[in-house]
Amino acid sequence: MDAVRVALLREVLAGTEWVQATHRFAGSLRSSVAPHGGGLLLVGSAAYEPWHLAAHLDDEAAWSGLPELSPTLVRHRVPGGAPAHLAVGLGRLAAAGRGETLLVVTPGQPGAGLLERVHDARRNGATVLALDGGDRDLHALAHDALAAPPAPPDGTDGAPADLDLDTVQHLVSAAAGENSLPAPRRHRRFRDRLARLADGLTAPPPPRW
């Protein structure tokens, strides 16, 4: 997702808590990796692999001149022949410790095995961040956490359209590469914002990872 699409998303979300919330969480991410010059580990659950966020953070690291944002993607299953940057297994979490940041991203339950590894990493001194669907056990282990909004029941008001975990990841990765909060935008009718979002969010770029 490029800067124009992120700007359109923020336009749609103006007046909600999500622009500030994603900037706050991105600030926690930056403040945890910057003093150590990196050491960012990114892991999902067995059912969800956050490769898209890994690619976006890698892009933000290059564009913003903040190499510490470039993550190591830790995978539950490493396929044969995977390139080196996509061949890091869960054993890497056993070595996580002081000066490193572990970002856990999953829309569902992380699973007992992953929670145990996250607990060990925190006990060894790693900073734990969670970007998920609101799992209580994971949030209890995290130094900071941001839960994406659940989908509202049909016919009820809830989170703005298209605001799910993937969208929140886009906003967090973009904010992590920025030096300051965006300037306040003028209020616009929500229908107009949705129309602009529909026009702008088309054909996402193909994955680079």
Foldseek 3Di string as FASTA:
>chain_A
DDPVLLVLVVLLCPPHCLLVVLLVLLVVVLVLQVVLLAQEEEEEALVDFVVVLLQLQCVLCVVLVRVNSRYQYEHCDQDPPDPPSRRHYPVVLLVAAANHEYEYEEADDRDPVVLVSLQNNVVRHYAYEYEYQDDPSSCVSHPYYDHFWDDDPPPDDDDPPPRGSVSSSVSNSVSNSDDDRDDRDDRDDSVVSVVVSVVPPPDPDDDPD
